[in-house]
Amino acid sequence: MDFILRLMPPCILHHFTGFYCPGCGGTRAFVALIHGQFLKSFYYHPLVFYVAVCLTWYALKQGLEIASSEKISIPMPKIEVLSYIAAIIVGTNFVIRNILYLVWGITIY
């Protein structure tokens, strides 16, 4: 995992301002997720885990509906609702990370 992360360029916003950007931690979260480290992925950036859960839910929904010839119908929230939830996750993550860093000096890496 460390090898992949060393290849990534640093966040420009964080480098110049010291603030975390809304996407900081996304690459680390994705790499942790594909290595099966779900809690670590959520810790790095909860949006990546949220998207993975939504995509898995959608894939299972589609697979079951196709396999059952549309006899089984699994509900899924509208894309607008999922998008609002994603925006709330990004905004909350951005605010919490920067407050932790600015007030207590806690970095999330």
N, C-alpha and C. Protein backbone atom coordinates (compact mmCIF):
# COMPACT_ATOMS: atom_id res chain seq x y z
N MET A 1 0.83 -1.18 0.00
CA MET A 1 0.00 0.00 0.00
C MET A 1 0.88 1.25 0.00
N ASP A 2 1.95 1.24 0.75
CA ASP A 2 2.81 2.41 0.82
C ASP A 2 3.43 2.75 -0.52
N PHE A 3 3.74 1.72 -1.32
CA PHE A 3 4.34 1.96 -2.62
C PHE A 3 3.42 2.77 -3.52
N ILE A 4 2.15 2.42 -3.53
CA ILE A 4 1.17 3.13 -4.36
C ILE A 4 1.03 4.57 -3.90
N LEU A 5 0.98 4.77 -2.60
CA LEU A 5 0.78 6.11 -2.07
C LEU A 5 1.99 7.01 -2.30
N ARG A 6 3.18 6.43 -2.38
CA ARG A 6 4.37 7.23 -2.66
C ARG A 6 4.37 7.78 -4.08
N LEU A 7 3.66 7.13 -4.97
CA LEU A 7 3.60 7.57 -6.36
C LEU A 7 2.65 8.75 -6.56
N MET A 8 1.76 8.96 -5.60
CA MET A 8 0.76 10.02 -5.73
C MET A 8 1.35 11.38 -5.38
N PRO A 9 0.99 12.41 -6.15
CA PRO A 9 1.46 13.76 -5.80
C PRO A 9 0.76 14.24 -4.54
N PRO A 10 1.39 15.14 -3.79
CA PRO A 10 0.74 15.66 -2.58
C PRO A 10 -0.43 16.58 -2.94
N CYS A 11 -1.33 16.75 -2.00
CA CYS A 11 -2.46 17.65 -2.18
C CYS A 11 -1.94 19.09 -2.23
N ILE A 12 -2.26 19.81 -3.27
CA ILE A 12 -1.77 21.18 -3.46
C ILE A 12 -2.35 22.11 -2.40
N LEU A 13 -3.66 22.00 -2.13
CA LEU A 13 -4.29 22.86 -1.12
C LEU A 13 -3.65 22.65 0.25
N HIS A 14 -3.46 21.40 0.63
CA HIS A 14 -2.86 21.10 1.93
C HIS A 14 -1.40 21.57 1.98
N HIS A 15 -0.71 21.41 0.89
CA HIS A 15 0.70 21.81 0.83
C HIS A 15 0.87 23.31 1.03
N PHE A 16 0.03 24.09 0.38
CA PHE A 16 0.20 25.55 0.43
C PHE A 16 -0.52 26.23 1.60
N THR A 17 -1.62 25.68 2.06
CA THR A 17 -2.40 26.35 3.11
C THR A 17 -2.37 25.64 4.45
N GLY A 18 -2.09 24.33 4.44
CA GLY A 18 -2.14 23.57 5.67
C GLY A 18 -3.53 23.02 5.96
N PHE A 19 -4.52 23.44 5.18
CA PHE A 19 -5.89 22.93 5.33
C PHE A 19 -6.05 21.66 4.50
N TYR A 20 -6.89 20.78 4.99
CA TYR A 20 -7.25 19.61 4.19
C TYR A 20 -8.30 20.01 3.17
N CYS A 21 -8.19 19.48 1.96
CA CYS A 21 -9.21 19.75 0.96
C CYS A 21 -10.35 18.74 1.16
N PRO A 22 -11.49 18.94 0.52
CA PRO A 22 -12.60 18.00 0.70
C PRO A 22 -12.28 16.58 0.23
N GLY A 23 -11.29 16.42 -0.63
CA GLY A 23 -10.95 15.10 -1.13
C GLY A 23 -9.75 14.45 -0.48
N CYS A 24 -9.11 15.17 0.45
CA CYS A 24 -7.91 14.62 1.10
C CYS A 24 -8.24 13.28 1.78
N GLY A 25 -7.42 12.30 1.49
CA GLY A 25 -7.61 10.97 2.06
C GLY A 25 -8.33 10.02 1.13
N GLY A 26 -8.85 10.54 0.03
CA GLY A 26 -9.61 9.69 -0.89
C GLY A 26 -8.78 8.59 -1.52
N THR A 27 -7.57 8.91 -1.92
CA THR A 27 -6.71 7.90 -2.54
C THR A 27 -6.33 6.84 -1.52
N ARG A 28 -5.95 7.27 -0.33
CA ARG A 28 -5.61 6.31 0.73
C ARG A 28 -6.82 5.44 1.07
N ALA A 29 -8.00 6.05 1.09
CA ALA A 29 -9.22 5.29 1.38
C ALA A 29 -9.50 4.25 0.31
N PHE A 30 -9.29 4.62 -0.95
CA PHE A 30 -9.53 3.68 -2.05
C PHE A 30 -8.54 2.52 -1.99
N VAL A 31 -7.28 2.82 -1.76
CA VAL A 31 -6.26 1.77 -1.68
C VAL A 31 -6.56 0.84 -0.51
N ALA A 32 -6.94 1.40 0.64
CA ALA A 32 -7.29 0.57 1.79
C ALA A 32 -8.51 -0.31 1.47
N LEU A 33 -9.47 0.26 0.77
CA LEU A 33 -10.69 -0.48 0.42
C LEU A 33 -10.37 -1.67 -0.49
N ILE A 34 -9.55 -1.47 -1.49
CA ILE A 34 -9.25 -2.59 -2.40
C ILE A 34 -8.36 -3.63 -1.74
N HIS A 35 -7.73 -3.28 -0.61
CA HIS A 35 -6.96 -4.25 0.16
C HIS A 35 -7.81 -4.89 1.26
N GLY A 36 -9.10 -4.58 1.29
CA GLY A 36 -10.01 -5.19 2.25
C GLY A 36 -9.96 -4.58 3.64
N GLN A 37 -9.35 -3.42 3.77
CA GLN A 37 -9.25 -2.75 5.07
C GLN A 37 -10.39 -1.72 5.15
N PHE A 38 -11.58 -2.20 5.46
CA PHE A 38 -12.77 -1.37 5.39
C PHE A 38 -12.79 -0.26 6.44
N LEU A 39 -12.42 -0.57 7.67
CA LEU A 39 -12.41 0.46 8.71
C LEU A 39 -11.37 1.53 8.42
N LYS A 40 -10.22 1.11 7.94
CA LYS A 40 -9.17 2.07 7.59
C LYS A 40 -9.64 2.95 6.44
N SER A 41 -10.33 2.35 5.48
CA SER A 41 -10.87 3.12 4.36
C SER A 41 -11.85 4.17 4.85
N PHE A 42 -12.74 3.78 5.74
CA PHE A 42 -13.71 4.72 6.31
C PHE A 42 -13.01 5.83 7.08
N TYR A 43 -11.96 5.48 7.80
CA TYR A 43 -11.19 6.45 8.59
C TYR A 43 -10.52 7.48 7.67
N TYR A 44 -9.95 7.03 6.57
CA TYR A 44 -9.26 7.95 5.66
C TYR A 44 -10.23 8.90 4.97
N HIS A 45 -11.33 8.38 4.45
CA HIS A 45 -12.34 9.24 3.82
C HIS A 45 -13.65 8.44 3.72
N PRO A 46 -14.66 8.80 4.50
CA PRO A 46 -15.90 8.03 4.54
C PRO A 46 -16.66 8.00 3.22
N LEU A 47 -16.43 8.96 2.34
CA LEU A 47 -17.16 8.97 1.07
C LEU A 47 -16.81 7.76 0.22
N VAL A 48 -15.55 7.34 0.22
CA VAL A 48 -15.14 6.19 -0.59
C VAL A 48 -15.87 4.94 -0.12
N PHE A 49 -15.95 4.75 1.18
CA PHE A 49 -16.67 3.60 1.72
C PHE A 49 -18.16 3.69 1.39
N TYR A 50 -18.74 4.88 1.50
CA TYR A 50 -20.16 5.09 1.19
C TYR A 50 -20.45 4.74 -0.27
N VAL A 51 -19.61 5.21 -1.18
CA VAL A 51 -19.81 4.92 -2.60
C VAL A 51 -19.69 3.42 -2.85
N ALA A 52 -18.72 2.77 -2.20
CA ALA A 52 -18.56 1.32 -2.37
C ALA A 52 -19.81 0.57 -1.90
N VAL A 53 -20.39 1.00 -0.79
CA VAL A 53 -21.61 0.37 -0.27
C VAL A 53 -22.76 0.59 -1.25
N CYS A 54 -22.90 1.81 -1.76
CA CYS A 54 -23.99 2.11 -2.71
C CYS A 54 -23.84 1.29 -3.99
N LEU A 55 -22.63 1.20 -4.50
CA LEU A 55 -22.41 0.43 -5.73
C LEU A 55 -22.64 -1.06 -5.51
N THR A 56 -22.24 -1.57 -4.35
CA THR A 56 -22.48 -2.99 -4.04
C THR A 56 -23.98 -3.26 -3.93
N TRP A 57 -24.69 -2.36 -3.26
CA TRP A 57 -26.14 -2.49 -3.11
C TRP A 57 -26.80 -2.50 -4.50
N TYR A 58 -26.39 -1.58 -5.35
CA TYR A 58 -26.97 -1.49 -6.70
C TYR A 58 -26.67 -2.75 -7.51
N ALA A 59 -25.44 -3.24 -7.43
CA ALA A 59 -25.07 -4.45 -8.18
C ALA A 59 -25.88 -5.65 -7.71
N LEU A 60 -26.04 -5.80 -6.40
CA LEU A 60 -26.86 -6.91 -5.87
C LEU A 60 -28.31 -6.76 -6.28
N LYS A 61 -28.82 -5.55 -6.22
CA LYS A 61 -30.20 -5.28 -6.63
C LYS A 61 -30.41 -5.69 -8.08
N GLN A 62 -29.54 -5.23 -8.96
CA GLN A 62 -29.67 -5.53 -10.38
C GLN A 62 -29.51 -7.03 -10.63
N GLY A 63 -28.54 -7.64 -9.97
CA GLY A 63 -28.31 -9.07 -10.16
C GLY A 63 -29.49 -9.91 -9.73
N LEU A 64 -30.07 -9.59 -8.56
CA LEU A 64 -31.23 -10.34 -8.08
C LEU A 64 -32.46 -10.12 -8.97
N GLU A 65 -32.64 -8.90 -9.42
CA GLU A 65 -33.79 -8.64 -10.29
C GLU A 65 -33.66 -9.35 -11.63
N ILE A 66 -32.47 -9.38 -12.17
CA ILE A 66 -32.27 -10.07 -13.45
C ILE A 66 -32.39 -11.58 -13.27
N ALA A 67 -31.78 -12.10 -12.19
CA ALA A 67 -31.83 -13.54 -11.94
C ALA A 67 -33.24 -14.03 -11.66
N SER A 68 -34.07 -13.19 -11.07
CA SER A 68 -35.44 -13.60 -10.74
C SER A 68 -36.44 -13.20 -11.82
N SER A 69 -35.96 -12.75 -12.95
CA SER A 69 -36.83 -12.29 -14.05
C SER A 69 -37.79 -11.21 -13.57
N GLU A 70 -37.27 -10.27 -12.80
CA GLU A 70 -38.02 -9.12 -12.28
C GLU A 70 -39.08 -9.50 -11.25
N LYS A 71 -39.04 -10.73 -10.70
CA LYS A 71 -40.00 -11.12 -9.68
C LYS A 71 -39.62 -10.55 -8.32
N ILE A 72 -38.34 -10.37 -8.09
CA ILE A 72 -37.86 -9.77 -6.85
C ILE A 72 -37.48 -8.33 -7.14
N SER A 73 -38.03 -7.42 -6.38
CA SER A 73 -37.72 -6.00 -6.56
C SER A 73 -37.16 -5.45 -5.25
N ILE A 74 -35.95 -4.95 -5.31
CA ILE A 74 -35.30 -4.38 -4.14
C ILE A 74 -35.31 -2.87 -4.29
N PRO A 75 -35.85 -2.16 -3.31
CA PRO A 75 -35.90 -0.69 -3.43
C PRO A 75 -34.51 -0.07 -3.28
N MET A 76 -34.33 1.05 -3.95
CA MET A 76 -33.09 1.81 -3.85
C MET A 76 -33.47 3.28 -3.84
N PRO A 77 -32.84 4.07 -2.95
CA PRO A 77 -33.17 5.50 -2.92
C PRO A 77 -32.85 6.17 -4.25
N LYS A 78 -33.53 7.26 -4.50
CA LYS A 78 -33.28 8.02 -5.73
C LYS A 78 -31.86 8.57 -5.72
N ILE A 79 -31.32 8.79 -6.91
CA ILE A 79 -29.95 9.28 -7.04
C ILE A 79 -29.78 10.64 -6.37
N GLU A 80 -30.82 11.45 -6.35
CA GLU A 80 -30.74 12.76 -5.70
C GLU A 80 -30.49 12.60 -4.21
N VAL A 81 -31.19 11.67 -3.58
CA VAL A 81 -31.02 11.43 -2.15
C VAL A 81 -29.60 10.94 -1.87
N LEU A 82 -29.12 9.99 -2.68
CA LEU A 82 -27.77 9.48 -2.50
C LEU A 82 -26.73 10.58 -2.70
N SER A 83 -26.99 11.48 -3.64
CA SER A 83 -26.07 12.58 -3.90
C SER A 83 -26.04 13.58 -2.74
N TYR A 84 -27.20 13.88 -2.17
CA TYR A 84 -27.24 14.78 -1.02
C TYR A 84 -26.50 14.18 0.17
N ILE A 85 -26.68 12.89 0.38
CA ILE A 85 -25.96 12.22 1.46
C ILE A 85 -24.46 12.30 1.23
N ALA A 86 -24.03 12.08 -0.02
CA ALA A 86 -22.60 12.17 -0.36
C ALA A 86 -22.07 13.57 -0.10
N ALA A 87 -22.84 14.59 -0.46
CA ALA A 87 -22.41 15.98 -0.23
C ALA A 87 -22.30 16.27 1.26
N ILE A 88 -23.21 15.75 2.04
CA ILE A 88 -23.16 15.94 3.50
C ILE A 88 -21.93 15.25 4.07
N ILE A 89 -21.63 14.06 3.58
CA ILE A 89 -20.44 13.33 4.05
C ILE A 89 -19.18 14.11 3.73
N VAL A 90 -19.06 14.62 2.51
CA VAL A 90 -17.87 15.39 2.12
C VAL A 90 -17.74 16.65 2.96
N GLY A 91 -18.83 17.40 3.12
CA GLY A 91 -18.78 18.63 3.90
C GLY A 91 -18.45 18.38 5.36
N THR A 92 -19.07 17.39 5.94
CA THR A 92 -18.82 17.07 7.35
C THR A 92 -17.38 16.61 7.55
N ASN A 93 -16.91 15.76 6.65
CA ASN A 93 -15.53 15.28 6.72
C ASN A 93 -14.55 16.44 6.62
N PHE A 94 -14.80 17.35 5.69
CA PHE A 94 -13.94 18.53 5.49
C PHE A 94 -13.88 19.38 6.76
N VAL A 95 -15.03 19.67 7.34
CA VAL A 95 -15.08 20.52 8.54
C VAL A 95 -14.42 19.82 9.73
N ILE A 96 -14.74 18.57 9.97
CA ILE A 96 -14.19 17.86 11.12
C ILE A 96 -12.68 17.73 11.02
N ARG A 97 -12.18 17.33 9.85
CA ARG A 97 -10.72 17.18 9.68
C ARG A 97 -9.99 18.49 9.95
N ASN A 98 -10.51 19.58 9.42
CA ASN A 98 -9.82 20.86 9.59
C ASN A 98 -9.93 21.37 11.02
N ILE A 99 -11.05 21.14 11.69
CA ILE A 99 -11.17 21.53 13.09
C ILE A 99 -10.20 20.72 13.94
N LEU A 100 -10.15 19.41 13.72
CA LEU A 100 -9.21 18.57 14.48
C LEU A 100 -7.77 19.05 14.28
N TYR A 101 -7.45 19.42 13.05
CA TYR A 101 -6.08 19.85 12.75
C TYR A 101 -5.78 21.24 13.33
N LEU A 102 -6.68 22.18 13.13
CA LEU A 102 -6.43 23.56 13.55
C LEU A 102 -6.52 23.75 15.07
N VAL A 103 -7.45 23.07 15.71
CA VAL A 103 -7.65 23.28 17.15
C VAL A 103 -6.72 22.40 17.98
N TRP A 104 -6.61 21.12 17.63
CA TRP A 104 -5.84 20.19 18.45
C TRP A 104 -4.58 19.65 17.77
N GLY A 105 -4.35 20.02 16.51
CA GLY A 105 -3.15 19.55 15.81
C GLY A 105 -3.19 18.08 15.42
N ILE A 106 -4.39 17.51 15.36
CA ILE A 106 -4.54 16.10 15.01
C ILE A 106 -4.61 15.97 13.49
N THR A 107 -3.69 15.19 12.94
CA THR A 107 -3.72 14.94 11.49
C THR A 107 -4.27 13.55 11.24
N ILE A 108 -4.98 13.41 10.17
CA ILE A 108 -5.57 12.11 9.81
C ILE A 108 -4.85 11.61 8.57
N TYR A 109 -3.88 10.78 8.81
CA TYR A 109 -3.12 10.16 7.72
C TYR A 109 -2.87 8.74 8.02
